[in-house]
Each structure stands twice: as C-alpha cells, then as structure tokens.
Amino acid sequence: MKLSTVFYTLGFASIALSASQFLTSESADKERNGLFIGHWPPTLFLLGEIAEDRERQSSLQSS
C-alpha cells in the first residue's frame, strides 16, 4: 500500500471521527476533542500530496 493512500485514508477517517465526536458529544470535553481532531485532515491531506509527488518522482527516475 502506498504511503500517500495511507495519509488520504487517515484524513478521511479523521473527518468521520471528528464529526462523530462533535455530533454525539454529551459533554464539552468530547466536543473539544471533535474540534481538535477536525484540525488533522488538512495536514494529513498535505502529507498525502507530498508522498504522492515523491512516489511519482521516484517512478519517473526509475524508468
């Protein structure tokens, strides 16, 4: 499995986790956790993009 795929999958999973934490929160603590987790996707998507660029670059160099 490619590293970029892992980062993209984690990004989408963190969106789902954030939404579930925020929407099903019964306390302010869980709501804050949902907001905290909601900050992860942009970083994970950016890391996925960087990994994808490096994978593409290494495949071009090997051919």
C-alpha atoms as a PDB file:
ATOM      1  CA  MET A   1       0.000   0.000   0.000  1.00  0.00           C
ATOM      2  CA  LYS A   2       1.334   3.404  -0.933  1.00  0.00           C
ATOM      3  CA  LEU A   3       2.106   5.918   1.780  1.00  0.00           C
ATOM      4  CA  SER A   4       0.009   8.567   0.046  1.00  0.00           C
ATOM      5  CA  THR A   5      -3.022   6.259   0.179  1.00  0.00           C
ATOM      6  CA  VAL A   6      -2.480   5.771   3.903  1.00  0.00           C
ATOM      7  CA  PHE A   7      -2.383   9.530   4.515  1.00  0.00           C
ATOM      8  CA  TYR A   8      -5.511  10.144   2.419  1.00  0.00           C
ATOM      9  CA  THR A   9      -7.357   7.346   4.224  1.00  0.00           C
ATOM     10  CA  LEU A  10      -6.348   8.741   7.601  1.00  0.00           C
ATOM     11  CA  GLY A  11      -7.517  12.202   6.517  1.00  0.00           C
ATOM     12  CA  PHE A  12     -10.981  10.963   5.591  1.00  0.00           C
ATOM     13  CA  ALA A  13     -11.164   8.809   8.725  1.00  0.00           C
ATOM     14  CA  SER A  14     -10.308  11.792  10.901  1.00  0.00           C
ATOM     15  CA  ILE A  15     -13.132  13.776   9.285  1.00  0.00           C
ATOM     16  CA  ALA A  16     -15.575  10.994  10.162  1.00  0.00           C
ATOM     17  CA  LEU A  17     -14.184  10.665  13.691  1.00  0.00           C
ATOM     18  CA  SER A  18     -14.342  14.403  14.241  1.00  0.00           C
ATOM     19  CA  ALA A  19     -17.945  14.598  13.083  1.00  0.00           C
ATOM     20  CA  SER A  20     -18.993  11.672  15.254  1.00  0.00           C
ATOM     21  CA  GLN A  21     -17.223  13.092  18.318  1.00  0.00           C
ATOM     22  CA  PHE A  22     -18.732  16.528  17.806  1.00  0.00           C
ATOM     23  CA  LEU A  23     -22.272  15.457  16.945  1.00  0.00           C
ATOM     24  CA  THR A  24     -22.647  12.787  19.611  1.00  0.00           C
ATOM     25  CA  SER A  25     -20.986  14.778  22.373  1.00  0.00           C
ATOM     26  CA  GLU A  26     -22.730  14.870  25.704  1.00  0.00           C
ATOM     27  CA  SER A  27     -20.002  16.911  27.340  1.00  0.00           C
ATOM     28  CA  ALA A  28     -17.863  19.866  26.414  1.00  0.00           C
ATOM     29  CA  ASP A  29     -14.810  17.606  26.614  1.00  0.00           C
ATOM     30  CA  LYS A  30     -15.921  15.389  23.723  1.00  0.00           C
ATOM     31  CA  GLU A  31     -16.966  18.430  21.725  1.00  0.00           C
ATOM     32  CA  ARG A  32     -13.474  19.895  22.142  1.00  0.00           C
ATOM     33  CA  ASN A  33     -11.948  16.562  21.135  1.00  0.00           C
ATOM     34  CA  GLY A  34     -14.057  16.631  17.967  1.00  0.00           C
ATOM     35  CA  LEU A  35     -12.840  20.122  17.150  1.00  0.00           C
ATOM     36  CA  PHE A  36      -9.237  19.114  17.854  1.00  0.00           C
ATOM     37  CA  ILE A  37      -9.467  16.081  15.582  1.00  0.00           C
ATOM     38  CA  GLY A  38     -11.070  18.323  12.956  1.00  0.00           C
ATOM     39  CA  HIS A  39      -7.755  20.112  12.549  1.00  0.00           C
ATOM     40  CA  TRP A  40      -5.949  16.958  11.393  1.00  0.00           C
ATOM     41  CA  PRO A  41      -7.349  16.437   7.845  1.00  0.00           C
ATOM     42  CA  PRO A  42      -5.584  19.350   6.116  1.00  0.00           C
ATOM     43  CA  THR A  43      -2.230  18.189   7.476  1.00  0.00           C
ATOM     44  CA  LEU A  44      -2.872  14.569   6.514  1.00  0.00           C
ATOM     45  CA  PHE A  45      -4.026  15.543   3.007  1.00  0.00           C
ATOM     46  CA  LEU A  46      -0.956  17.726   2.558  1.00  0.00           C
ATOM     47  CA  LEU A  47       1.318  14.893   3.676  1.00  0.00           C
ATOM     48  CA  GLY A  48      -0.516  12.602   1.246  1.00  0.00           C
ATOM     49  CA  GLU A  49       0.084  15.049  -1.575  1.00  0.00           C
ATOM     50  CA  ILE A  50       3.785  15.285  -0.727  1.00  0.00           C
ATOM     51  CA  ALA A  51       4.091  11.493  -0.573  1.00  0.00           C
ATOM     52  CA  GLU A  52       2.258  11.181  -3.902  1.00  0.00           C
ATOM     53  CA  ASP A  53       4.638  13.666  -5.539  1.00  0.00           C
ATOM     54  CA  ARG A  54       7.655  11.762  -4.235  1.00  0.00           C
ATOM     55  CA  GLU A  55       6.203   8.435  -5.413  1.00  0.00           C
ATOM     56  CA  ARG A  56       5.607   9.910  -8.855  1.00  0.00           C
ATOM     57  CA  GLN A  57       9.113  11.402  -8.943  1.00  0.00           C
ATOM     58  CA  SER A  58      10.772   8.141  -7.937  1.00  0.00           C
ATOM     59  CA  SER A  59       8.798   6.194 -10.550  1.00  0.00           C
ATOM     60  CA  LEU A  60       9.916   8.660 -13.246  1.00  0.00           C
ATOM     61  CA  GLN A  61      13.543   8.358 -12.209  1.00  0.00           C
ATOM     62  CA  SER A  62      13.491   4.561 -12.251  1.00  0.00           C
ATOM     63  CA  SER A  63      12.091   4.353 -15.779  1.00  0.00           C
END
